[in-house]
N, C-alpha and C. Protein backbone atom coordinates (compact mmCIF):
# COMPACT_ATOMS: atom_id res chain seq x y z
N UNK A 1 0.84 -1.17 0.00
CA UNK A 1 0.00 0.00 0.00
C UNK A 1 0.89 1.24 0.00
N UNK A 2 0.53 2.17 -0.80
CA UNK A 2 1.36 3.35 -1.01
C UNK A 2 1.69 4.10 0.28
N UNK A 3 0.74 4.22 1.18
CA UNK A 3 0.96 4.97 2.41
C UNK A 3 2.01 4.36 3.33
N UNK A 4 2.30 3.08 3.13
CA UNK A 4 3.25 2.39 3.99
C UNK A 4 4.59 2.14 3.31
N UNK A 5 4.75 2.60 2.08
CA UNK A 5 6.01 2.40 1.38
C UNK A 5 7.15 3.11 2.11
N UNK A 6 8.29 2.45 2.09
CA UNK A 6 9.52 2.98 2.70
C UNK A 6 9.46 3.06 4.23
N UNK A 7 8.55 2.27 4.84
CA UNK A 7 8.47 2.22 6.30
C UNK A 7 8.81 0.83 6.83
N UNK A 8 9.32 -0.05 5.99
CA UNK A 8 9.75 -1.41 6.34
C UNK A 8 8.61 -2.35 6.73
N UNK A 9 7.37 -1.94 6.55
CA UNK A 9 6.24 -2.79 6.90
C UNK A 9 6.24 -4.04 6.02
N UNK A 10 6.39 -3.85 4.72
CA UNK A 10 6.39 -4.99 3.80
C UNK A 10 7.57 -5.91 4.04
N UNK A 11 8.74 -5.34 4.24
CA UNK A 11 9.93 -6.14 4.51
C UNK A 11 9.77 -6.97 5.78
N UNK A 12 9.25 -6.37 6.82
CA UNK A 12 9.04 -7.07 8.09
C UNK A 12 8.03 -8.20 7.92
N UNK A 13 6.94 -7.93 7.23
CA UNK A 13 5.91 -8.95 7.03
C UNK A 13 6.42 -10.12 6.19
N UNK A 14 7.12 -9.82 5.11
CA UNK A 14 7.62 -10.87 4.23
C UNK A 14 8.69 -11.71 4.93
N UNK A 15 9.58 -11.07 5.66
CA UNK A 15 10.62 -11.79 6.41
C UNK A 15 9.97 -12.75 7.42
N UNK A 16 8.96 -12.27 8.12
CA UNK A 16 8.26 -13.13 9.08
C UNK A 16 7.59 -14.31 8.37
N UNK A 17 7.02 -14.07 7.21
CA UNK A 17 6.37 -15.13 6.44
C UNK A 17 7.39 -16.17 5.97
N UNK A 18 8.52 -15.73 5.44
CA UNK A 18 9.57 -16.66 5.02
C UNK A 18 10.06 -17.49 6.20
N UNK A 19 10.24 -16.85 7.35
CA UNK A 19 10.70 -17.56 8.55
C UNK A 19 9.66 -18.57 9.03
N UNK A 20 8.39 -18.23 8.90
CA UNK A 20 7.31 -19.09 9.38
C UNK A 20 7.15 -20.34 8.52
N UNK A 21 7.47 -20.21 7.23
CA UNK A 21 7.33 -21.33 6.29
C UNK A 21 8.66 -21.64 5.62
N UNK A 22 9.56 -22.32 6.34
CA UNK A 22 10.86 -22.64 5.75
C UNK A 22 10.70 -23.60 4.57
N UNK A 23 11.67 -23.56 3.69
CA UNK A 23 11.66 -24.43 2.53
C UNK A 23 11.90 -23.65 1.26
N UNK A 24 11.60 -24.28 0.15
CA UNK A 24 11.85 -23.68 -1.17
C UNK A 24 10.72 -22.73 -1.52
N UNK A 25 11.09 -21.53 -1.94
CA UNK A 25 10.14 -20.49 -2.34
C UNK A 25 10.38 -20.11 -3.79
N UNK A 26 9.30 -19.79 -4.47
CA UNK A 26 9.34 -19.17 -5.79
C UNK A 26 8.43 -17.95 -5.73
N UNK A 27 8.98 -16.81 -6.10
CA UNK A 27 8.22 -15.56 -6.05
C UNK A 27 8.16 -14.97 -7.46
N UNK A 28 7.04 -15.18 -8.17
CA UNK A 28 6.90 -14.62 -9.52
C UNK A 28 6.41 -13.18 -9.45
N UNK A 29 6.79 -12.40 -10.45
CA UNK A 29 6.32 -11.03 -10.54
C UNK A 29 5.77 -10.75 -11.92
N UNK A 30 4.89 -9.77 -12.00
CA UNK A 30 4.34 -9.35 -13.29
C UNK A 30 5.40 -8.53 -14.02
N UNK A 31 5.48 -8.73 -15.31
CA UNK A 31 6.52 -8.11 -16.13
C UNK A 31 6.55 -6.59 -16.01
N UNK A 32 5.42 -5.93 -16.02
CA UNK A 32 5.38 -4.47 -16.05
C UNK A 32 5.36 -3.79 -14.70
N UNK A 33 5.34 -4.55 -13.62
CA UNK A 33 5.23 -3.94 -12.29
C UNK A 33 6.62 -3.68 -11.72
N UNK A 34 7.26 -2.61 -12.17
CA UNK A 34 8.63 -2.31 -11.78
C UNK A 34 8.79 -1.98 -10.29
N UNK A 35 7.84 -1.27 -9.66
CA UNK A 35 7.98 -1.04 -8.22
C UNK A 35 7.97 -2.36 -7.42
N UNK A 36 7.11 -3.30 -7.81
CA UNK A 36 7.07 -4.59 -7.12
C UNK A 36 8.36 -5.37 -7.36
N UNK A 37 8.88 -5.32 -8.57
CA UNK A 37 10.13 -6.01 -8.86
C UNK A 37 11.27 -5.44 -8.02
N UNK A 38 11.32 -4.12 -7.86
CA UNK A 38 12.36 -3.50 -7.03
C UNK A 38 12.21 -3.92 -5.58
N UNK A 39 10.97 -3.96 -5.08
CA UNK A 39 10.71 -4.38 -3.70
C UNK A 39 11.20 -5.80 -3.47
N UNK A 40 10.76 -6.74 -4.33
CA UNK A 40 11.13 -8.14 -4.14
C UNK A 40 12.63 -8.35 -4.29
N UNK A 41 13.24 -7.64 -5.19
CA UNK A 41 14.68 -7.74 -5.37
C UNK A 41 15.40 -7.36 -4.08
N UNK A 42 15.02 -6.24 -3.47
CA UNK A 42 15.64 -5.78 -2.21
C UNK A 42 15.40 -6.77 -1.08
N UNK A 43 14.14 -7.19 -0.92
CA UNK A 43 13.78 -8.06 0.19
C UNK A 43 14.48 -9.41 0.09
N UNK A 44 14.44 -10.01 -1.09
CA UNK A 44 15.02 -11.35 -1.26
C UNK A 44 16.54 -11.30 -1.18
N UNK A 45 17.15 -10.28 -1.74
CA UNK A 45 18.61 -10.10 -1.62
C UNK A 45 19.01 -10.00 -0.15
N UNK A 46 18.30 -9.19 0.59
CA UNK A 46 18.60 -9.01 2.01
C UNK A 46 18.36 -10.29 2.80
N UNK A 47 17.23 -10.92 2.57
CA UNK A 47 16.86 -12.12 3.33
C UNK A 47 17.83 -13.27 3.09
N UNK A 48 18.24 -13.46 1.83
CA UNK A 48 19.06 -14.61 1.48
C UNK A 48 20.56 -14.33 1.53
N UNK A 49 20.93 -13.07 1.69
CA UNK A 49 22.35 -12.73 1.63
C UNK A 49 22.91 -12.98 0.24
N UNK A 50 22.07 -12.86 -0.77
CA UNK A 50 22.49 -13.04 -2.15
C UNK A 50 22.40 -14.47 -2.66
N UNK A 51 21.89 -15.37 -1.84
CA UNK A 51 21.79 -16.78 -2.25
C UNK A 51 20.39 -17.07 -2.80
N UNK A 52 20.19 -16.67 -4.04
CA UNK A 52 18.91 -16.87 -4.72
C UNK A 52 19.17 -16.99 -6.21
N UNK A 53 18.17 -17.43 -6.94
CA UNK A 53 18.23 -17.49 -8.39
C UNK A 53 17.15 -16.59 -8.95
N UNK A 54 17.46 -15.91 -10.03
CA UNK A 54 16.48 -15.07 -10.72
C UNK A 54 16.43 -15.52 -12.17
N UNK A 55 15.23 -15.81 -12.64
CA UNK A 55 15.07 -16.25 -14.02
C UNK A 55 13.67 -15.91 -14.49
N UNK A 56 13.30 -16.38 -15.66
CA UNK A 56 11.95 -16.12 -16.17
C UNK A 56 10.92 -16.97 -15.43
N UNK A 57 9.71 -16.48 -15.40
CA UNK A 57 8.61 -17.26 -14.81
C UNK A 57 8.45 -18.56 -15.57
N UNK A 58 8.00 -19.58 -14.87
CA UNK A 58 7.83 -20.90 -15.47
C UNK A 58 6.37 -21.24 -15.74
N UNK A 59 5.48 -20.28 -15.52
CA UNK A 59 4.05 -20.54 -15.69
C UNK A 59 3.49 -19.99 -17.00
N UNK A 60 4.37 -19.57 -17.90
CA UNK A 60 3.92 -19.08 -19.19
C UNK A 60 3.63 -17.60 -19.24
N UNK A 61 3.66 -16.93 -18.10
CA UNK A 61 3.43 -15.49 -18.07
C UNK A 61 4.77 -14.76 -18.14
N UNK A 62 4.79 -13.55 -18.72
CA UNK A 62 6.05 -12.81 -18.77
C UNK A 62 6.41 -12.22 -17.42
N UNK A 63 7.68 -12.14 -17.16
CA UNK A 63 8.16 -11.53 -15.93
C UNK A 63 9.20 -12.40 -15.25
N UNK A 64 9.87 -11.83 -14.25
CA UNK A 64 10.90 -12.57 -13.53
C UNK A 64 10.34 -13.43 -12.41
N UNK A 65 11.14 -14.40 -11.98
CA UNK A 65 10.80 -15.22 -10.82
C UNK A 65 12.07 -15.40 -9.99
N UNK A 66 11.93 -15.20 -8.69
CA UNK A 66 13.02 -15.47 -7.75
C UNK A 66 12.78 -16.82 -7.11
N UNK A 67 13.85 -17.59 -6.94
CA UNK A 67 13.78 -18.89 -6.27
C UNK A 67 14.86 -18.93 -5.21
N UNK A 68 14.52 -19.43 -4.02
CA UNK A 68 15.48 -19.51 -2.92
C UNK A 68 14.93 -20.45 -1.86
N UNK A 69 15.76 -20.76 -0.90
CA UNK A 69 15.34 -21.59 0.22
C UNK A 69 15.34 -20.75 1.49
N UNK A 70 14.21 -20.75 2.17
CA UNK A 70 14.08 -20.07 3.47
C UNK A 70 14.42 -21.09 4.55
N UNK A 71 15.47 -20.84 5.31
CA UNK A 71 15.90 -21.83 6.29
C UNK A 71 15.00 -21.95 7.51
N UNK A 72 14.22 -20.93 7.82
CA UNK A 72 13.36 -20.98 8.99
C UNK A 72 13.97 -20.28 10.18
N UNK A 73 13.20 -20.10 11.19
CA UNK A 73 13.61 -19.40 12.40
C UNK A 73 14.78 -20.12 13.05
N UNK A 74 15.74 -19.35 13.49
CA UNK A 74 16.90 -19.91 14.18
C UNK A 74 18.02 -20.29 13.24
N UNK A 75 17.72 -20.55 11.98
CA UNK A 75 18.76 -20.95 11.03
C UNK A 75 19.36 -19.77 10.29
N UNK A 76 18.69 -18.63 10.30
CA UNK A 76 19.18 -17.51 9.51
C UNK A 76 19.39 -16.23 10.30
N UNK A 77 19.16 -16.26 11.61
CA UNK A 77 19.38 -15.09 12.43
C UNK A 77 18.25 -14.09 12.43
N UNK A 78 17.17 -14.34 11.68
CA UNK A 78 16.07 -13.38 11.67
C UNK A 78 15.27 -13.47 12.96
N UNK A 79 14.96 -14.65 13.40
CA UNK A 79 14.25 -14.85 14.65
C UNK A 79 12.85 -14.28 14.69
N UNK A 80 12.23 -14.09 13.56
CA UNK A 80 10.88 -13.51 13.52
C UNK A 80 9.83 -14.60 13.64
N UNK A 81 8.81 -14.35 14.32
CA UNK A 81 7.57 -15.13 14.38
C UNK A 81 6.71 -14.52 15.46
């Protein structure tokens, strides 16, 4: 939501979600949504410490997809839940 941009609300929520559901994640984005692509790029880079893959979506739609493994609480130092 625009009113909450740049206040770390999205980053905090997504980090907690990744920690809550450890395992393999795929995060697809719409091709034309550049603000969302920038958000996910920052969040996933920070969360994984650069250990992710970025490639095309595999569902036939245009746009990028990030793939990574969320280790879960205690394994990555986030400690969120």
